[in-house]
Amino acid sequence: MKRLLKQAWWLVPSVLAALVFAVPASAGPDNPSAAGLTSPSLLALIGNDDLFSTADLSVVLAPTGSGANGTQHYGPYPSSSSDSGTCGIQDWAQDAFDRHFTVKANGSGGGTVVEQFKDGSFTTNTTASPGACETGSKHGSTIVAGKSGSMHGYFIISNVGSQTSTSPYCNADAMTNDDCDTQTFIDTHFSCSYQVTCQVTTFFFHYAAGDQNLLYHEWKNASDDRGGNSGDIATS
């Protein structure tokens, strides 16, 4: 208890400073930063973001017409990731989930990868709440450690270039699924360099924590083309 009180004491000025001075940062597992544009025809397939996060995309994204290239599915890869908040001062939670990657070829030597984060859960840290520095919706300011809930979401990674491997492993070079993350899969399966020559163009995450004496218990973290951020997971 003494240790927790000591941690909370030094955290207060940091949180307050962040709320006043920080510029909202990218949030979510793997710290996505949307850049570029997702194909409008692909966005048109997303009728509901929650359903798109958990659906079998090998069917949803399958092209039609003679000679059309099919989709490829990779995973699930059990994974974990720290989760950044909009203030960017400290990760607000630790996530655990299964990664699924669906590859959609464009027929001209390139394509798009949709990464889904399924069957996810999170456990909070003591820090600023994930939406504390959000400016576009109602939110709280802080979260305490030990709150838990469910999460799911997706990345759309556009213009991945030519496919260099069809290995079933997340890390096609080392032939392992250990320490799987977005960069490892993209960089070892495609000719592009993740977050340099190919980037996340659209992302969406939905977190729900139930009651647990929370002031806010639902947080949506999304790129602008999916409506932006809303809500929060916060105790005050």
C-alpha atoms as a PDB file:
ATOM      1  CA  MET A   1       0.000   0.000   0.000  1.00  0.00           C
ATOM      2  CA  LYS A   2       2.832   2.444   0.900  1.00  0.00           C
ATOM      3  CA  ARG A   3       4.461   1.729  -2.446  1.00  0.00           C
ATOM      4  CA  LEU A   4       1.183   2.350  -4.300  1.00  0.00           C
ATOM      5  CA  LEU A   5       0.652   5.658  -2.479  1.00  0.00           C
ATOM      6  CA  LYS A   6       4.195   6.703  -3.296  1.00  0.00           C
ATOM      7  CA  GLN A   7       3.650   5.888  -6.984  1.00  0.00           C
ATOM      8  CA  ALA A   8       0.365   7.809  -7.010  1.00  0.00           C
ATOM      9  CA  TRP A   9       2.024  10.854  -5.391  1.00  0.00           C
ATOM     10  CA  TRP A  10       4.639  11.337  -8.082  1.00  0.00           C
ATOM     11  CA  LEU A  11       2.145  10.502 -10.818  1.00  0.00           C
ATOM     12  CA  VAL A  12      -0.239  13.379 -10.041  1.00  0.00           C
ATOM     13  CA  PRO A  13       1.913  16.262 -11.355  1.00  0.00           C
ATOM     14  CA  SER A  14       2.842  14.255 -14.432  1.00  0.00           C
ATOM     15  CA  VAL A  15      -0.785  13.533 -15.248  1.00  0.00           C
ATOM     16  CA  LEU A  16      -1.842  17.144 -14.688  1.00  0.00           C
ATOM     17  CA  ALA A  17       0.996  18.429 -16.847  1.00  0.00           C
ATOM     18  CA  ALA A  18       0.027  16.036 -19.602  1.00  0.00           C
ATOM     19  CA  LEU A  19      -3.584  17.133 -19.523  1.00  0.00           C
ATOM     20  CA  VAL A  20      -2.576  20.770 -19.906  1.00  0.00           C
ATOM     21  CA  PHE A  21       0.398  20.630 -22.256  1.00  0.00           C
ATOM     22  CA  ALA A  22       0.428  17.331 -24.158  1.00  0.00           C
ATOM     23  CA  VAL A  23      -0.612  16.993 -27.761  1.00  0.00           C
ATOM     24  CA  PRO A  24      -2.816  13.898 -28.182  1.00  0.00           C
ATOM     25  CA  ALA A  25      -0.698  10.960 -29.326  1.00  0.00           C
ATOM     26  CA  SER A  26      -1.554   7.915 -31.366  1.00  0.00           C
ATOM     27  CA  ALA A  27      -3.037   5.270 -29.123  1.00  0.00           C
ATOM     28  CA  GLY A  28      -3.609   1.547 -29.154  1.00  0.00           C
ATOM     29  CA  PRO A  29      -1.506  -1.624 -29.250  1.00  0.00           C
ATOM     30  CA  ASP A  30       1.643  -1.285 -31.373  1.00  0.00           C
ATOM     31  CA  ASN A  31       1.073   2.493 -31.241  1.00  0.00           C
ATOM     32  CA  PRO A  32      -0.499   2.967 -34.686  1.00  0.00           C
ATOM     33  CA  SER A  33      -0.175   6.272 -36.488  1.00  0.00           C
ATOM     34  CA  ALA A  34      -2.511   6.480 -39.465  1.00  0.00           C
ATOM     35  CA  ALA A  35      -0.988   7.924 -42.624  1.00  0.00           C
ATOM     36  CA  GLY A  36      -2.192   7.834 -46.211  1.00  0.00           C
ATOM     37  CA  LEU A  37      -5.579   6.725 -47.468  1.00  0.00           C
ATOM     38  CA  THR A  38      -7.348   3.383 -47.463  1.00  0.00           C
ATOM     39  CA  SER A  39      -9.035   2.348 -50.696  1.00  0.00           C
ATOM     40  CA  PRO A  40     -12.652   3.610 -50.689  1.00  0.00           C
ATOM     41  CA  SER A  41     -13.791   0.252 -52.084  1.00  0.00           C
ATOM     42  CA  LEU A  42     -12.274  -1.499 -49.064  1.00  0.00           C
ATOM     43  CA  LEU A  43     -13.766   0.981 -46.592  1.00  0.00           C
ATOM     44  CA  ALA A  44     -17.147   0.369 -48.216  1.00  0.00           C
ATOM     45  CA  LEU A  45     -16.958  -3.264 -47.069  1.00  0.00           C
ATOM     46  CA  ILE A  46     -16.881  -2.214 -43.405  1.00  0.00           C
ATOM     47  CA  GLY A  47     -20.538  -2.022 -42.479  1.00  0.00           C
ATOM     48  CA  ASN A  48     -19.843  -2.295 -38.738  1.00  0.00           C
ATOM     49  CA  ASP A  49     -16.405  -1.836 -37.197  1.00  0.00           C
ATOM     50  CA  ASP A  50     -16.988  -4.287 -34.340  1.00  0.00           C
ATOM     51  CA  LEU A  51     -18.143  -7.008 -36.721  1.00  0.00           C
ATOM     52  CA  PHE A  52     -15.282  -6.303 -39.128  1.00  0.00           C
ATOM     53  CA  SER A  53     -12.851  -6.724 -36.219  1.00  0.00           C
ATOM     54  CA  THR A  54     -14.009 -10.277 -35.528  1.00  0.00           C
ATOM     55  CA  ALA A  55     -15.332 -11.564 -38.886  1.00  0.00           C
ATOM     56  CA  ASP A  56     -13.719 -14.144 -41.158  1.00  0.00           C
ATOM     57  CA  LEU A  57     -12.178 -11.674 -43.594  1.00  0.00           C
ATOM     58  CA  SER A  58     -11.035 -14.356 -46.020  1.00  0.00           C
ATOM     59  CA  VAL A  59     -14.707 -14.387 -47.051  1.00  0.00           C
ATOM     60  CA  VAL A  60     -15.479 -10.674 -46.602  1.00  0.00           C
ATOM     61  CA  LEU A  61     -12.478  -9.526 -48.647  1.00  0.00           C
ATOM     62  CA  ALA A  62     -12.605 -12.250 -51.294  1.00  0.00           C
ATOM     63  CA  PRO A  63     -12.618 -10.638 -54.756  1.00  0.00           C
ATOM     64  CA  THR A  64     -15.193 -11.540 -57.371  1.00  0.00           C
ATOM     65  CA  GLY A  65     -14.878 -12.124 -61.104  1.00  0.00           C
ATOM     66  CA  SER A  66     -12.876 -14.510 -63.261  1.00  0.00           C
ATOM     67  CA  GLY A  67      -9.137 -14.417 -62.719  1.00  0.00           C
ATOM     68  CA  ALA A  68      -9.449 -12.542 -59.426  1.00  0.00           C
ATOM     69  CA  ASN A  69      -6.800 -13.298 -56.822  1.00  0.00           C
ATOM     70  CA  GLY A  70      -8.098 -14.791 -53.580  1.00  0.00           C
ATOM     71  CA  THR A  71      -7.240 -13.873 -50.024  1.00  0.00           C
ATOM     72  CA  GLN A  72      -4.725 -15.481 -47.672  1.00  0.00           C
ATOM     73  CA  HIS A  73      -5.177 -15.910 -43.933  1.00  0.00           C
ATOM     74  CA  TYR A  74      -2.359 -16.118 -41.343  1.00  0.00           C
ATOM     75  CA  GLY A  75      -2.706 -16.780 -37.632  1.00  0.00           C
ATOM     76  CA  PRO A  76      -3.957 -16.783 -34.987  1.00  0.00           C
ATOM     77  CA  TYR A  77      -0.749 -15.691 -33.268  1.00  0.00           C
ATOM     78  CA  PRO A  78      -1.158 -15.305 -29.477  1.00  0.00           C
ATOM     79  CA  SER A  79       0.370 -11.919 -28.639  1.00  0.00           C
ATOM     80  CA  SER A  80       0.562  -9.144 -26.103  1.00  0.00           C
ATOM     81  CA  SER A  81       1.304  -5.442 -26.287  1.00  0.00           C
ATOM     82  CA  SER A  82       1.466  -2.377 -24.122  1.00  0.00           C
ATOM     83  CA  ASP A  83      -1.279   0.111 -24.973  1.00  0.00           C
ATOM     84  CA  SER A  84      -0.569   3.817 -25.305  1.00  0.00           C
ATOM     85  CA  GLY A  85      -3.051   6.555 -24.434  1.00  0.00           C
ATOM     86  CA  THR A  86      -3.765   9.899 -26.046  1.00  0.00           C
ATOM     87  CA  CYS A  87      -1.492  11.770 -23.591  1.00  0.00           C
ATOM     88  CA  GLY A  88       1.502   9.652 -24.534  1.00  0.00           C
ATOM     89  CA  ILE A  89       3.126   9.842 -21.076  1.00  0.00           C
ATOM     90  CA  GLN A  90       2.720   6.229 -19.950  1.00  0.00           C
ATOM     91  CA  ASP A  91       1.003   3.128 -21.316  1.00  0.00           C
ATOM     92  CA  TRP A  92      -2.438   2.924 -19.733  1.00  0.00           C
ATOM     93  CA  ALA A  93      -2.876  -0.850 -20.133  1.00  0.00           C
ATOM     94  CA  GLN A  94      -1.363  -4.160 -21.114  1.00  0.00           C
ATOM     95  CA  ASP A  95      -3.266  -6.075 -23.805  1.00  0.00           C
ATOM     96  CA  ALA A  96      -3.415  -9.748 -24.727  1.00  0.00           C
ATOM     97  CA  PHE A  97      -5.037 -10.954 -27.966  1.00  0.00           C
ATOM     98  CA  ASP A  98      -4.759 -13.188 -31.016  1.00  0.00           C
ATOM     99  CA  ARG A  99      -3.407 -11.590 -34.180  1.00  0.00           C
ATOM    100  CA  HIS A 100      -4.951 -12.581 -37.513  1.00  0.00           C
ATOM    101  CA  PHE A 101      -3.619 -11.282 -40.836  1.00  0.00           C
ATOM    102  CA  THR A 102      -5.662 -11.359 -44.052  1.00  0.00           C
ATOM    103  CA  VAL A 103      -3.829 -10.552 -47.281  1.00  0.00           C
ATOM    104  CA  LYS A 104      -5.816  -9.105 -50.186  1.00  0.00           C
ATOM    105  CA  ALA A 105      -3.860  -8.921 -53.456  1.00  0.00           C
ATOM    106  CA  ASN A 106      -4.627  -6.089 -55.855  1.00  0.00           C
ATOM    107  CA  GLY A 107      -3.646  -7.993 -59.006  1.00  0.00           C
ATOM    108  CA  SER A 108      -0.709  -5.731 -59.891  1.00  0.00           C
ATOM    109  CA  GLY A 109       2.046  -7.029 -57.627  1.00  0.00           C
ATOM    110  CA  GLY A 110       0.887  -5.305 -54.450  1.00  0.00           C
ATOM    111  CA  GLY A 111      -1.892  -5.511 -51.957  1.00  0.00           C
ATOM    112  CA  THR A 112      -3.420  -4.691 -48.603  1.00  0.00           C
ATOM    113  CA  VAL A 113      -3.136  -6.468 -45.263  1.00  0.00           C
ATOM    114  CA  VAL A 114      -5.875  -6.327 -42.624  1.00  0.00           C
ATOM    115  CA  GLU A 115      -4.650  -7.271 -39.167  1.00  0.00           C
ATOM    116  CA  GLN A 116      -7.348  -8.220 -36.667  1.00  0.00           C
ATOM    117  CA  PHE A 117      -6.936  -8.283 -32.890  1.00  0.00           C
ATOM    118  CA  LYS A 118      -9.391 -10.931 -31.681  1.00  0.00           C
ATOM    119  CA  ASP A 119     -10.406 -12.374 -28.308  1.00  0.00           C
ATOM    120  CA  GLY A 120      -8.573  -9.540 -26.594  1.00  0.00           C
ATOM    121  CA  SER A 121      -8.371  -8.447 -22.980  1.00  0.00           C
ATOM    122  CA  PHE A 122      -6.667  -5.611 -21.110  1.00  0.00           C
ATOM    123  CA  THR A 123      -5.474  -4.794 -17.596  1.00  0.00           C
ATOM    124  CA  THR A 124      -4.927  -1.170 -16.609  1.00  0.00           C
ATOM    125  CA  ASN A 125      -1.949   0.628 -15.068  1.00  0.00           C
ATOM    126  CA  THR A 126      -2.093   3.661 -12.758  1.00  0.00           C
ATOM    127  CA  THR A 127      -1.718   6.631 -15.094  1.00  0.00           C
ATOM    128  CA  ALA A 128      -3.680   9.072 -17.237  1.00  0.00           C
ATOM    129  CA  SER A 129      -6.779   7.455 -18.735  1.00  0.00           C
ATOM    130  CA  PRO A 130      -6.543   6.488 -22.419  1.00  0.00           C
ATOM    131  CA  GLY A 131      -8.834   9.329 -23.500  1.00  0.00           C
ATOM    132  CA  ALA A 132      -7.495  11.949 -21.065  1.00  0.00           C
ATOM    133  CA  CYS A 133      -6.004  14.159 -23.796  1.00  0.00           C
ATOM    134  CA  GLU A 134      -8.768  13.607 -26.320  1.00  0.00           C
ATOM    135  CA  THR A 135     -10.371  16.890 -27.406  1.00  0.00           C
ATOM    136  CA  GLY A 136     -13.381  15.730 -29.387  1.00  0.00           C
ATOM    137  CA  SER A 137     -15.558  13.914 -26.835  1.00  0.00           C
ATOM    138  CA  LYS A 138     -16.369  13.582 -23.131  1.00  0.00           C
ATOM    139  CA  HIS A 139     -13.731  11.693 -21.159  1.00  0.00           C
ATOM    140  CA  GLY A 140     -12.086  11.299 -17.766  1.00  0.00           C
ATOM    141  CA  SER A 141      -8.538  12.036 -16.595  1.00  0.00           C
ATOM    142  CA  THR A 142      -7.023   9.112 -14.643  1.00  0.00           C
ATOM    143  CA  ILE A 143      -7.199   5.338 -14.310  1.00  0.00           C
ATOM    144  CA  VAL A 144      -5.993   3.100 -11.464  1.00  0.00           C
ATOM    145  CA  ALA A 145      -4.229  -0.228 -11.851  1.00  0.00           C
ATOM    146  CA  GLY A 146      -6.023  -3.557 -11.922  1.00  0.00           C
ATOM    147  CA  LYS A 147      -9.167  -2.738 -13.901  1.00  0.00           C
ATOM    148  CA  SER A 148      -9.796  -5.235 -16.672  1.00  0.00           C
ATOM    149  CA  GLY A 149     -12.006  -5.761 -19.669  1.00  0.00           C
ATOM    150  CA  SER A 150     -12.311  -6.954 -23.251  1.00  0.00           C
ATOM    151  CA  MET A 151     -10.980  -5.443 -26.453  1.00  0.00           C
ATOM    152  CA  HIS A 152     -10.843  -6.070 -30.199  1.00  0.00           C
ATOM    153  CA  GLY A 153      -9.908  -4.104 -33.279  1.00  0.00           C
ATOM    154  CA  TYR A 154      -8.091  -3.976 -36.597  1.00  0.00           C
ATOM    155  CA  PHE A 155      -5.396  -2.288 -38.678  1.00  0.00           C
ATOM    156  CA  ILE A 156      -5.552  -1.755 -42.435  1.00  0.00           C
ATOM    157  CA  ILE A 157      -2.028  -1.632 -43.874  1.00  0.00           C
ATOM    158  CA  SER A 158      -2.062  -0.417 -47.460  1.00  0.00           C
ATOM    159  CA  ASN A 159       0.428  -0.675 -50.321  1.00  0.00           C
ATOM    160  CA  VAL A 160       2.448  -3.527 -48.850  1.00  0.00           C
ATOM    161  CA  GLY A 161       4.207  -4.190 -52.163  1.00  0.00           C
ATOM    162  CA  SER A 162       5.039  -7.611 -53.530  1.00  0.00           C
ATOM    163  CA  GLN A 163       4.739 -10.656 -51.303  1.00  0.00           C
ATOM    164  CA  THR A 164       8.123 -12.223 -50.530  1.00  0.00           C
ATOM    165  CA  SER A 165       6.966 -15.161 -48.377  1.00  0.00           C
ATOM    166  CA  THR A 166       3.909 -17.311 -47.735  1.00  0.00           C
ATOM    167  CA  SER A 167       5.407 -18.825 -44.576  1.00  0.00           C
ATOM    168  CA  PRO A 168       2.750 -19.688 -41.979  1.00  0.00           C
ATOM    169  CA  TYR A 169       4.994 -18.264 -39.249  1.00  0.00           C
ATOM    170  CA  CYS A 170       4.608 -14.682 -38.058  1.00  0.00           C
ATOM    171  CA  ASN A 171       8.361 -14.279 -38.481  1.00  0.00           C
ATOM    172  CA  ALA A 172       9.000 -15.808 -41.885  1.00  0.00           C
ATOM    173  CA  ASP A 173      12.767 -15.339 -41.601  1.00  0.00           C
ATOM    174  CA  ALA A 174      13.274 -16.983 -38.201  1.00  0.00           C
ATOM    175  CA  MET A 175      10.350 -19.409 -38.728  1.00  0.00           C
ATOM    176  CA  THR A 176       8.814 -18.647 -35.334  1.00  0.00           C
ATOM    177  CA  ASN A 177       5.661 -17.131 -33.866  1.00  0.00           C
ATOM    178  CA  ASP A 178       7.471 -15.836 -30.778  1.00  0.00           C
ATOM    179  CA  ASP A 179       7.194 -12.088 -30.082  1.00  0.00           C
ATOM    180  CA  CYS A 180       4.807 -11.621 -32.998  1.00  0.00           C
ATOM    181  CA  ASP A 181       3.917  -8.023 -33.830  1.00  0.00           C
ATOM    182  CA  THR A 182       2.748  -6.087 -36.862  1.00  0.00           C
ATOM    183  CA  GLN A 183       6.195  -5.035 -38.020  1.00  0.00           C
ATOM    184  CA  THR A 184       7.602  -8.556 -37.825  1.00  0.00           C
ATOM    185  CA  PHE A 185       4.839 -10.020 -39.990  1.00  0.00           C
ATOM    186  CA  ILE A 186       4.890  -7.247 -42.590  1.00  0.00           C
ATOM    187  CA  ASP A 187       8.668  -6.941 -42.898  1.00  0.00           C
ATOM    188  CA  THR A 188       9.207 -10.692 -43.278  1.00  0.00           C
ATOM    189  CA  HIS A 189       6.344 -11.353 -45.714  1.00  0.00           C
ATOM    190  CA  PHE A 190       6.412  -8.290 -47.995  1.00  0.00           C
ATOM    191  CA  SER A 191       8.883  -6.092 -49.840  1.00  0.00           C
ATOM    192  CA  CYS A 192       7.857  -2.920 -48.000  1.00  0.00           C
ATOM    193  CA  SER A 193       9.272  -1.550 -44.748  1.00  0.00           C
ATOM    194  CA  TYR A 194       6.540  -1.178 -42.124  1.00  0.00           C
ATOM    195  CA  GLN A 195       5.843   2.423 -41.070  1.00  0.00           C
ATOM    196  CA  VAL A 196       8.314   3.646 -43.716  1.00  0.00           C
ATOM    197  CA  THR A 197       7.131   2.597 -47.188  1.00  0.00           C
ATOM    198  CA  CYS A 198       3.864   0.999 -46.027  1.00  0.00           C
ATOM    199  CA  GLN A 199       1.809   2.241 -43.118  1.00  0.00           C
ATOM    200  CA  VAL A 200      -1.403   1.785 -41.188  1.00  0.00           C
ATOM    201  CA  THR A 201      -3.961   3.834 -43.088  1.00  0.00           C
ATOM    202  CA  THR A 202      -7.012   2.931 -40.966  1.00  0.00           C
ATOM    203  CA  PHE A 203      -7.392   1.571 -37.425  1.00  0.00           C
ATOM    204  CA  PHE A 204     -10.162   0.830 -34.948  1.00  0.00           C
ATOM    205  CA  PHE A 205     -10.175  -0.507 -31.370  1.00  0.00           C
ATOM    206  CA  HIS A 206     -13.049  -0.970 -28.935  1.00  0.00           C
ATOM    207  CA  TYR A 207     -12.503  -1.484 -25.186  1.00  0.00           C
ATOM    208  CA  ALA A 208     -15.193  -2.355 -22.627  1.00  0.00           C
ATOM    209  CA  ALA A 209     -14.661  -2.703 -18.875  1.00  0.00           C
ATOM    210  CA  GLY A 210     -18.101  -3.155 -17.328  1.00  0.00           C
ATOM    211  CA  ASP A 211     -18.795  -1.316 -14.067  1.00  0.00           C
ATOM    212  CA  GLN A 212     -15.852  -1.801 -11.636  1.00  0.00           C
ATOM    213  CA  ASN A 213     -16.621   1.586 -10.029  1.00  0.00           C
ATOM    214  CA  LEU A 214     -15.431   3.346 -13.184  1.00  0.00           C
ATOM    215  CA  LEU A 215     -16.537   6.837 -14.183  1.00  0.00           C
ATOM    216  CA  TYR A 216     -16.176   5.844 -17.859  1.00  0.00           C
ATOM    217  CA  HIS A 217     -16.030   2.199 -18.897  1.00  0.00           C
ATOM    218  CA  GLU A 218     -16.007   2.177 -22.725  1.00  0.00           C
ATOM    219  CA  TRP A 219     -13.324   3.583 -25.028  1.00  0.00           C
ATOM    220  CA  LYS A 220     -13.184   3.704 -28.810  1.00  0.00           C
ATOM    221  CA  ASN A 221      -9.802   4.478 -30.352  1.00  0.00           C
ATOM    222  CA  ALA A 222     -10.043   4.980 -34.109  1.00  0.00           C
ATOM    223  CA  SER A 223      -8.557   6.805 -37.053  1.00  0.00           C
ATOM    224  CA  ASP A 224     -10.481   9.773 -38.435  1.00  0.00           C
ATOM    225  CA  ASP A 225     -12.002   7.723 -41.258  1.00  0.00           C
ATOM    226  CA  ARG A 226     -13.630   5.480 -38.601  1.00  0.00           C
ATOM    227  CA  GLY A 227     -15.023   8.363 -36.565  1.00  0.00           C
ATOM    228  CA  GLY A 228     -12.056   9.170 -34.320  1.00  0.00           C
ATOM    229  CA  ASN A 229     -11.816   8.590 -30.577  1.00  0.00           C
ATOM    230  CA  SER A 230     -14.721   8.602 -28.126  1.00  0.00           C
ATOM    231  CA  GLY A 231     -15.428   7.691 -24.508  1.00  0.00           C
ATOM    232  CA  ASP A 232     -12.790   6.564 -22.008  1.00  0.00           C
ATOM    233  CA  ILE A 233     -11.762   3.963 -19.433  1.00  0.00           C
ATOM    234  CA  ALA A 234     -11.390   6.144 -16.335  1.00  0.00           C
ATOM    235  CA  THR A 235     -11.868   6.224 -12.571  1.00  0.00           C
ATOM    236  CA  SER A 236     -11.903  10.023 -12.354  1.00  0.00           C
END
